[in-house]
Amino acid sequence: MEDLKNKSIKIENYEATLTSGDLINIIQHSVTRDDMESLRKELKSDNQKLDSKIDAVAEKLDSKIDKLNSKIDANFKWLAGIMIAGILIPIALNFIK
């Protein structure tokens, strides 16, 4: 890459010296309102795409959580039944003796 130190430009009888800072300033000020507007539109569309992807993932996660919740509920009923039986059987056997 070419070094961006002071560069002299001669145009007929006129000579100007541009520094790297001058070049950066020229480039920064060359951004037009149209460029800024197109950038805004791109950012908005990117945000909308990202929002839709997040919504899709959230819906999938909700459905998986609902399935897991129903499995836990079904297994909890079995676990509660076993615990109650585990408590009642020794008590009943104690009364039978």
C-alpha atoms as a PDB file:
ATOM      1  CA  MET A   1       0.000   0.000   0.000  1.00  0.00           C
ATOM      2  CA  GLU A   2       1.283   3.409  -0.896  1.00  0.00           C
ATOM      3  CA  ASP A   3       2.411   5.624   1.944  1.00  0.00           C
ATOM      4  CA  LEU A   4      -0.105   8.393   2.708  1.00  0.00           C
ATOM      5  CA  LYS A   5       2.348  11.110   3.722  1.00  0.00           C
ATOM      6  CA  ASN A   6       2.245  14.600   2.252  1.00  0.00           C
ATOM      7  CA  LYS A   7       1.580  14.470  -1.503  1.00  0.00           C
ATOM      8  CA  SER A   8       1.987  17.415  -3.835  1.00  0.00           C
ATOM      9  CA  ILE A   9      -0.335  17.950  -6.756  1.00  0.00           C
ATOM     10  CA  LYS A  10       0.479  20.440  -9.521  1.00  0.00           C
ATOM     11  CA  ILE A  11      -2.272  21.749 -11.742  1.00  0.00           C
ATOM     12  CA  GLU A  12      -0.799  24.200 -14.262  1.00  0.00           C
ATOM     13  CA  ASN A  13       0.497  27.068 -12.110  1.00  0.00           C
ATOM     14  CA  TYR A  14      -1.152  25.932  -8.909  1.00  0.00           C
ATOM     15  CA  GLU A  15       0.408  23.588  -6.376  1.00  0.00           C
ATOM     16  CA  ALA A  16      -1.433  22.025  -3.416  1.00  0.00           C
ATOM     17  CA  THR A  17      -0.199  19.693  -0.733  1.00  0.00           C
ATOM     18  CA  LEU A  18      -2.575  17.077   0.653  1.00  0.00           C
ATOM     19  CA  THR A  19      -1.851  15.307   3.905  1.00  0.00           C
ATOM     20  CA  SER A  20      -3.330  11.988   4.932  1.00  0.00           C
ATOM     21  CA  GLY A  21      -5.591  13.887   7.329  1.00  0.00           C
ATOM     22  CA  ASP A  22      -6.862  16.008   4.447  1.00  0.00           C
ATOM     23  CA  LEU A  23      -7.622  12.903   2.409  1.00  0.00           C
ATOM     24  CA  ILE A  24      -9.528  11.373   5.304  1.00  0.00           C
ATOM     25  CA  ASN A  25     -11.546  14.576   5.756  1.00  0.00           C
ATOM     26  CA  ILE A  26     -12.414  14.660   2.047  1.00  0.00           C
ATOM     27  CA  ILE A  27     -13.555  11.044   2.117  1.00  0.00           C
ATOM     28  CA  GLN A  28     -15.620  11.536   5.272  1.00  0.00           C
ATOM     29  CA  HIS A  29     -17.394  14.586   3.868  1.00  0.00           C
ATOM     30  CA  SER A  30     -18.109  12.885   0.564  1.00  0.00           C
ATOM     31  CA  VAL A  31     -20.807  10.701   2.130  1.00  0.00           C
ATOM     32  CA  THR A  32     -24.068  11.995   0.757  1.00  0.00           C
ATOM     33  CA  ARG A  33     -27.518  11.968   2.275  1.00  0.00           C
ATOM     34  CA  ASP A  34     -28.514   9.314  -0.239  1.00  0.00           C
ATOM     35  CA  ASP A  35     -25.770   7.041   1.055  1.00  0.00           C
ATOM     36  CA  MET A  36     -26.920   7.607   4.607  1.00  0.00           C
ATOM     37  CA  GLU A  37     -30.553   6.919   3.655  1.00  0.00           C
ATOM     38  CA  SER A  38     -29.647   3.700   1.847  1.00  0.00           C
ATOM     39  CA  LEU A  39     -27.640   2.631   4.880  1.00  0.00           C
ATOM     40  CA  ARG A  40     -30.639   3.328   7.123  1.00  0.00           C
ATOM     41  CA  LYS A  41     -32.867   1.226   4.861  1.00  0.00           C
ATOM     42  CA  GLU A  42     -30.374  -1.638   4.892  1.00  0.00           C
ATOM     43  CA  LEU A  43     -30.135  -1.494   8.683  1.00  0.00           C
ATOM     44  CA  LYS A  44     -33.919  -1.484   9.045  1.00  0.00           C
ATOM     45  CA  SER A  45     -34.273  -4.498   6.745  1.00  0.00           C
ATOM     46  CA  ASP A  46     -31.492  -6.306   8.612  1.00  0.00           C
ATOM     47  CA  ASN A  47     -33.232  -5.569  11.915  1.00  0.00           C
ATOM     48  CA  GLN A  48     -36.528  -6.877  10.542  1.00  0.00           C
ATOM     49  CA  LYS A  49     -34.861 -10.077   9.329  1.00  0.00           C
ATOM     50  CA  LEU A  50     -33.194 -10.532  12.705  1.00  0.00           C
ATOM     51  CA  ASP A  51     -36.481  -9.933  14.527  1.00  0.00           C
ATOM     52  CA  SER A  52     -38.253 -12.535  12.389  1.00  0.00           C
ATOM     53  CA  LYS A  53     -35.488 -15.070  13.039  1.00  0.00           C
ATOM     54  CA  ILE A  54     -35.660 -14.386  16.779  1.00  0.00           C
ATOM     55  CA  ASP A  55     -39.442 -14.809  16.710  1.00  0.00           C
ATOM     56  CA  ALA A  56     -39.129 -18.133  14.860  1.00  0.00           C
ATOM     57  CA  VAL A  57     -36.579 -19.434  17.363  1.00  0.00           C
ATOM     58  CA  ALA A  58     -38.731 -18.243  20.275  1.00  0.00           C
ATOM     59  CA  GLU A  59     -41.757 -20.103  18.873  1.00  0.00           C
ATOM     60  CA  LYS A  60     -39.745 -23.313  18.481  1.00  0.00           C
ATOM     61  CA  LEU A  61     -38.399 -22.941  22.009  1.00  0.00           C
ATOM     62  CA  ASP A  62     -41.892 -22.364  23.401  1.00  0.00           C
ATOM     63  CA  SER A  63     -43.212 -25.511  21.738  1.00  0.00           C
ATOM     64  CA  LYS A  64     -40.282 -27.551  23.062  1.00  0.00           C
ATOM     65  CA  ILE A  65     -40.826 -26.153  26.561  1.00  0.00           C
ATOM     66  CA  ASP A  66     -44.527 -27.037  26.365  1.00  0.00           C
ATOM     67  CA  LYS A  67     -43.688 -30.623  25.340  1.00  0.00           C
ATOM     68  CA  LEU A  68     -41.174 -30.925  28.163  1.00  0.00           C
ATOM     69  CA  ASN A  69     -43.649 -29.471  30.629  1.00  0.00           C
ATOM     70  CA  SER A  70     -46.291 -32.039  29.667  1.00  0.00           C
ATOM     71  CA  LYS A  71     -43.746 -34.859  30.059  1.00  0.00           C
ATOM     72  CA  ILE A  72     -42.759 -33.556  33.484  1.00  0.00           C
ATOM     73  CA  ASP A  73     -46.416 -33.374  34.519  1.00  0.00           C
ATOM     74  CA  ALA A  74     -47.026 -36.972  33.409  1.00  0.00           C
ATOM     75  CA  ASN A  75     -43.905 -38.238  35.198  1.00  0.00           C
ATOM     76  CA  PHE A  76     -44.746 -36.228  38.316  1.00  0.00           C
ATOM     77  CA  LYS A  77     -48.077 -38.040  38.606  1.00  0.00           C
ATOM     78  CA  TRP A  78     -46.265 -41.380  38.557  1.00  0.00           C
ATOM     79  CA  LEU A  79     -43.672 -40.154  41.031  1.00  0.00           C
ATOM     80  CA  ALA A  80     -46.348 -38.790  43.384  1.00  0.00           C
ATOM     81  CA  GLY A  81     -48.241 -42.112  43.171  1.00  0.00           C
ATOM     82  CA  ILE A  82     -45.113 -44.102  44.014  1.00  0.00           C
ATOM     83  CA  MET A  83     -44.299 -41.804  46.933  1.00  0.00           C
ATOM     84  CA  ILE A  84     -47.815 -42.077  48.346  1.00  0.00           C
ATOM     85  CA  ALA A  85     -47.745 -45.859  47.925  1.00  0.00           C
ATOM     86  CA  GLY A  86     -44.317 -45.935  49.604  1.00  0.00           C
ATOM     87  CA  ILE A  87     -45.726 -44.090  52.586  1.00  0.00           C
ATOM     88  CA  LEU A  88     -49.078 -45.891  52.836  1.00  0.00           C
ATOM     89  CA  ILE A  89     -47.869 -49.485  52.383  1.00  0.00           C
ATOM     90  CA  PRO A  90     -45.616 -49.499  55.495  1.00  0.00           C
ATOM     91  CA  ILE A  91     -48.369 -47.846  57.521  1.00  0.00           C
ATOM     92  CA  ALA A  92     -50.937 -50.415  56.319  1.00  0.00           C
ATOM     93  CA  LEU A  93     -48.517 -53.293  57.014  1.00  0.00           C
ATOM     94  CA  ASN A  94     -47.930 -51.950  60.519  1.00  0.00           C
ATOM     95  CA  PHE A  95     -51.679 -51.975  61.202  1.00  0.00           C
ATOM     96  CA  ILE A  96     -52.082 -55.458  59.732  1.00  0.00           C
ATOM     97  CA  LYS A  97     -49.557 -56.994  62.146  1.00  0.00           C
END
